[in-house]
């Protein structure tokens, strides 16, 4: 059983100045990395959980949500007061407004098998202001599923309709084709080789991002924590049933 010792120690020692520095790094570079956030014991425990989930899924891509993560230790992290405070502090600094008291929208994505191509190179904006990504398992050879990000291309939209328009433009087949072409050498697209156990933070709502493919026989497992939907109270969003 993992104890999250490394994570808890790092989180408990974060000063207001440290959090300010994280926010400024995300503003300037698009993404912040905290190396060694999880210990090897944490990763071993989570990888056992991933292996069992993939086996149950017939050795194809599976995505598990918050209520399916009991016993993974990712649920313990999401419930940690220190982890939640990191996001609320980042939100207050980044948006200069009080942080909402909300739960994470949490996903464990396990890419493997013949379905990997359908879950790769799909550029998108997140619906949530802050995204944390923790790689649990990354291929050591072949296609690694590197993370691609075009940082901070928009602000927080004042109206859900404007946000929806942004998403429709990015989801368009032509836009996707252009972005995929630029992924191989575009100057604006930042490529990050994920390291298991690191914590990566970025403004998910403001940044276009995706992952590159992995080989069918490999596994790329990443834990995602999404915080604060700025349009959670939108009547239009509820009517459309959008996430």
Protein backbone atom coordinates (compact mmCIF):
# COMPACT_ATOMS: atom_id res chain seq x y z
CA UNK A 1 0.00 0.00 0.00
CA UNK A 2 1.42 3.39 -0.97
CA UNK A 3 1.70 6.14 1.63
CA UNK A 4 2.18 9.24 -0.58
CA UNK A 5 5.04 10.34 1.69
CA UNK A 6 6.87 12.27 -1.03
CA UNK A 7 3.71 14.01 -2.19
CA UNK A 8 2.57 14.97 1.29
CA UNK A 9 6.02 16.28 2.21
CA UNK A 10 6.29 18.45 -0.91
CA UNK A 11 2.76 19.79 -0.53
CA UNK A 12 3.09 20.61 3.16
CA UNK A 13 6.27 22.63 2.55
CA UNK A 14 4.83 24.88 -0.19
CA UNK A 15 4.94 28.53 0.82
CA UNK A 16 2.76 31.22 -0.75
CA UNK A 17 5.86 32.35 -2.62
CA UNK A 18 6.37 28.84 -3.97
CA UNK A 19 2.80 28.68 -5.27
CA UNK A 20 3.20 32.15 -6.81
CA UNK A 21 6.34 30.86 -8.54
CA UNK A 22 4.47 27.82 -9.88
CA UNK A 23 1.76 30.06 -11.33
CA UNK A 24 4.31 32.37 -12.94
CA UNK A 25 6.16 29.38 -14.43
CA UNK A 26 2.91 28.12 -15.97
CA UNK A 27 2.24 31.60 -17.35
CA UNK A 28 5.71 31.87 -18.87
CA UNK A 29 6.42 28.30 -20.01
CA UNK A 30 2.99 26.70 -20.21
CA UNK A 31 3.63 23.89 -17.76
CA UNK A 32 5.23 23.30 -14.36
CA UNK A 33 6.91 20.06 -13.30
CA UNK A 34 7.48 18.86 -9.73
CA UNK A 35 9.94 15.94 -10.08
CA UNK A 36 9.62 12.87 -7.86
CA UNK A 37 6.19 13.81 -6.57
CA UNK A 38 5.38 10.13 -6.13
CA UNK A 39 7.78 7.58 -4.66
CA UNK A 40 8.69 4.27 -6.30
CA UNK A 41 6.44 2.50 -3.81
CA UNK A 42 3.53 4.76 -4.80
CA UNK A 43 4.14 4.00 -8.46
CA UNK A 44 4.41 0.26 -7.89
CA UNK A 45 1.07 0.22 -6.09
CA UNK A 46 -0.62 2.33 -8.79
CA UNK A 47 0.84 0.21 -11.58
CA UNK A 48 -0.65 -2.90 -10.01
CA UNK A 49 -4.00 -1.10 -10.03
CA UNK A 50 -3.51 -0.13 -13.70
CA UNK A 51 -2.55 -3.68 -14.71
CA UNK A 52 -5.69 -5.08 -13.08
CA UNK A 53 -7.89 -2.44 -14.78
CA UNK A 54 -6.40 -3.19 -18.20
CA UNK A 55 -6.89 -6.92 -17.71
CA UNK A 56 -10.54 -6.37 -16.83
CA UNK A 57 -10.87 -4.18 -19.93
CA UNK A 58 -9.64 -6.88 -22.27
CA UNK A 59 -6.20 -5.33 -22.72
CA UNK A 60 -7.62 -2.29 -24.48
CA UNK A 61 -7.70 1.39 -23.50
CA UNK A 62 -9.67 2.09 -20.34
CA UNK A 63 -10.56 5.35 -18.59
CA UNK A 64 -11.58 5.23 -14.95
CA UNK A 65 -13.39 8.05 -13.17
CA UNK A 66 -13.28 9.15 -9.56
CA UNK A 67 -15.73 6.59 -8.19
CA UNK A 68 -13.77 3.75 -9.81
CA UNK A 69 -10.41 4.63 -8.23
CA UNK A 70 -10.91 3.33 -4.70
CA UNK A 71 -7.76 1.58 -3.51
CA UNK A 72 -5.52 3.14 -6.16
CA UNK A 73 -4.12 5.82 -3.77
CA UNK A 74 -5.17 8.37 -6.37
CA UNK A 75 -8.40 8.66 -4.41
CA UNK A 76 -6.39 9.41 -1.26
CA UNK A 77 -4.50 12.13 -3.12
CA UNK A 78 -7.72 13.73 -4.39
CA UNK A 79 -9.08 13.79 -0.84
CA UNK A 80 -5.91 15.28 0.63
CA UNK A 81 -6.47 18.75 2.06
CA UNK A 82 -2.93 19.78 1.10
CA UNK A 83 -3.43 18.71 -2.53
CA UNK A 84 -6.75 20.54 -2.77
CA UNK A 85 -5.19 23.66 -1.23
CA UNK A 86 -2.52 23.71 -3.91
CA UNK A 87 -5.22 24.06 -6.56
CA UNK A 88 -7.26 26.65 -4.68
CA UNK A 89 -4.12 28.73 -4.10
CA UNK A 90 -3.11 28.45 -7.76
CA UNK A 91 -6.62 29.41 -8.83
CA UNK A 92 -6.65 32.50 -6.63
CA UNK A 93 -3.26 33.62 -7.94
CA UNK A 94 -3.97 32.77 -11.58
CA UNK A 95 -7.47 34.26 -11.79
CA UNK A 96 -7.19 36.82 -8.97
CA UNK A 97 -10.52 35.78 -7.52
CA UNK A 98 -11.59 33.49 -4.65
CA UNK A 99 -11.36 29.78 -5.41
CA UNK A 100 -14.57 27.73 -5.49
CA UNK A 101 -15.08 24.86 -3.06
CA UNK A 102 -15.39 22.03 -5.60
CA UNK A 103 -14.30 18.43 -6.03
CA UNK A 104 -11.84 17.30 -8.69
CA UNK A 105 -13.05 15.84 -11.94
CA UNK A 106 -10.69 12.88 -11.89
CA UNK A 107 -9.68 10.36 -14.59
CA UNK A 108 -7.11 7.58 -14.86
CA UNK A 109 -6.37 7.05 -18.58
CA UNK A 110 -4.71 3.77 -19.52
CA UNK A 111 -3.80 3.67 -23.21
CA UNK A 112 -2.95 0.29 -24.73
CA UNK A 113 -3.99 -2.17 -27.42
CA UNK A 114 -5.45 -1.54 -30.87
CA UNK A 115 -7.56 1.35 -29.60
CA UNK A 116 -4.61 3.65 -28.80
CA UNK A 117 -4.80 5.56 -32.08
CA UNK A 118 -8.37 6.69 -31.33
CA UNK A 119 -7.19 8.27 -28.08
CA UNK A 120 -4.11 10.09 -29.37
CA UNK A 121 -3.43 13.35 -31.21
CA UNK A 122 -6.88 14.72 -30.37
CA UNK A 123 -6.10 18.37 -29.63
CA UNK A 124 -8.51 20.02 -27.21
CA UNK A 125 -9.15 22.56 -24.48
CA UNK A 126 -10.14 21.27 -21.04
CA UNK A 127 -13.37 22.44 -19.44
CA UNK A 128 -11.56 23.11 -16.16
CA UNK A 129 -9.20 25.95 -15.23
CA UNK A 130 -6.32 23.87 -13.78
CA UNK A 131 -5.18 20.44 -14.88
CA UNK A 132 -2.70 18.23 -13.06
CA UNK A 133 -1.20 15.26 -14.84
CA UNK A 134 0.69 12.50 -13.04
CA UNK A 135 2.23 9.80 -15.26
CA UNK A 136 1.95 6.38 -13.65
CA UNK A 137 3.38 4.30 -16.49
CA UNK A 138 5.16 5.53 -19.63
CA UNK A 139 6.75 3.33 -22.34
CA UNK A 140 10.55 3.24 -22.15
CA UNK A 141 11.01 2.48 -25.85
CA UNK A 142 9.13 2.99 -29.09
CA UNK A 143 6.31 5.54 -29.11
CA UNK A 144 6.17 7.10 -25.64
CA UNK A 145 2.99 9.14 -25.96
CA UNK A 146 4.74 12.46 -25.34
CA UNK A 147 2.55 15.29 -24.09
CA UNK A 148 1.99 18.15 -26.57
CA UNK A 149 0.79 21.60 -25.51
CA UNK A 150 0.23 24.97 -27.13
CA UNK A 151 0.21 27.03 -23.94
CA UNK A 152 -2.16 29.77 -22.88
CA UNK A 153 -3.83 30.51 -26.21
CA UNK A 154 -6.96 32.03 -24.67
CA UNK A 155 -8.28 33.60 -21.48
CA UNK A 156 -11.17 32.50 -19.29
CA UNK A 157 -14.28 33.21 -21.36
CA UNK A 158 -16.95 35.33 -19.69
CA UNK A 159 -19.72 33.34 -21.33
CA UNK A 160 -20.11 29.62 -21.97
CA UNK A 161 -21.16 30.31 -25.58
CA UNK A 162 -17.72 31.81 -26.33
CA UNK A 163 -16.04 28.81 -24.72
CA UNK A 164 -18.19 26.49 -26.84
CA UNK A 165 -17.19 28.39 -29.99
CA UNK A 166 -13.50 27.93 -29.12
CA UNK A 167 -14.02 24.19 -28.67
CA UNK A 168 -15.94 23.82 -31.94
CA UNK A 169 -13.10 25.53 -33.82
CA UNK A 170 -10.45 23.28 -32.28
CA UNK A 171 -12.56 20.13 -32.75
CA UNK A 172 -12.98 20.89 -36.46
CA UNK A 173 -11.41 18.25 -38.74
CA UNK A 174 -9.38 20.86 -40.64
CA UNK A 175 -8.00 22.39 -37.44
CA UNK A 176 -7.08 18.94 -36.13
CA UNK A 177 -5.28 18.10 -39.38
CA UNK A 178 -3.30 21.36 -39.27
CA UNK A 179 -2.33 20.82 -35.63
CA UNK A 180 -1.23 17.24 -36.26
CA UNK A 181 0.93 18.39 -39.16
CA UNK A 182 2.55 21.02 -36.97
CA UNK A 183 3.07 18.55 -34.13
CA UNK A 184 6.12 17.10 -35.86
CA UNK A 185 7.98 20.41 -35.94
CA UNK A 186 5.85 23.39 -35.04
CA UNK A 187 7.58 26.06 -32.99
CA UNK A 188 4.56 26.88 -30.85
CA UNK A 189 3.89 23.28 -29.83
CA UNK A 190 5.81 22.28 -26.73
CA UNK A 191 6.67 18.58 -26.39
CA UNK A 192 7.11 17.12 -22.91
CA UNK A 193 8.54 13.65 -22.36
CA UNK A 194 6.56 12.45 -19.35
CA UNK A 195 8.44 10.94 -16.39
CA UNK A 196 6.48 8.57 -14.11
CA UNK A 197 5.96 9.99 -10.64
CA UNK A 198 6.36 13.63 -11.62
CA UNK A 199 3.53 16.13 -11.14
CA UNK A 200 2.75 18.37 -14.12
CA UNK A 201 0.50 21.43 -13.75
CA UNK A 202 -0.91 23.65 -16.50
CA UNK A 203 -3.88 25.89 -17.30
CA UNK A 204 -5.94 23.19 -19.00
CA UNK A 205 -8.80 25.53 -19.91
CA UNK A 206 -6.48 28.00 -21.61
CA UNK A 207 -4.14 25.59 -23.43
CA UNK A 208 -4.62 23.35 -26.46
CA UNK A 209 -3.08 19.96 -25.70
CA UNK A 210 -3.01 16.24 -26.44
CA UNK A 211 -0.79 13.16 -26.27
CA UNK A 212 1.15 11.44 -29.02
CA UNK A 213 0.41 7.76 -29.76
CA UNK A 214 1.98 4.76 -28.06
CA UNK A 215 2.68 1.33 -29.52
CA UNK A 216 -0.19 -1.16 -29.26
CA UNK A 217 1.73 -3.47 -26.95
CA UNK A 218 2.82 -0.69 -24.59
CA UNK A 219 0.96 1.02 -21.73
CA UNK A 220 0.68 4.75 -21.07
CA UNK A 221 -1.21 5.40 -17.85
CA UNK A 222 -1.76 8.94 -16.58
CA UNK A 223 -3.79 10.30 -13.68
CA UNK A 224 -5.61 13.55 -14.40
CA UNK A 225 -7.03 15.96 -11.84
CA UNK A 226 -9.23 18.75 -13.22
CA UNK A 227 -10.15 21.69 -11.00
CA UNK A 228 -12.84 24.39 -11.31
CA UNK A 229 -15.19 24.60 -14.28
CA UNK A 230 -15.78 28.36 -14.85
CA UNK A 231 -19.07 27.58 -16.60
CA UNK A 232 -20.45 25.10 -14.08
CA UNK A 233 -23.51 27.29 -13.50
CA UNK A 234 -24.24 27.95 -17.17
CA UNK A 235 -27.88 27.34 -18.12
CA UNK A 236 -26.89 26.78 -21.76
CA UNK A 237 -24.33 24.18 -20.78
CA UNK A 238 -26.90 22.27 -18.73
CA UNK A 239 -29.39 22.39 -21.58
CA UNK A 240 -26.83 21.04 -24.03
CA UNK A 241 -25.69 18.35 -21.61
CA UNK A 242 -22.05 19.23 -22.25
CA UNK A 243 -19.13 18.34 -19.99
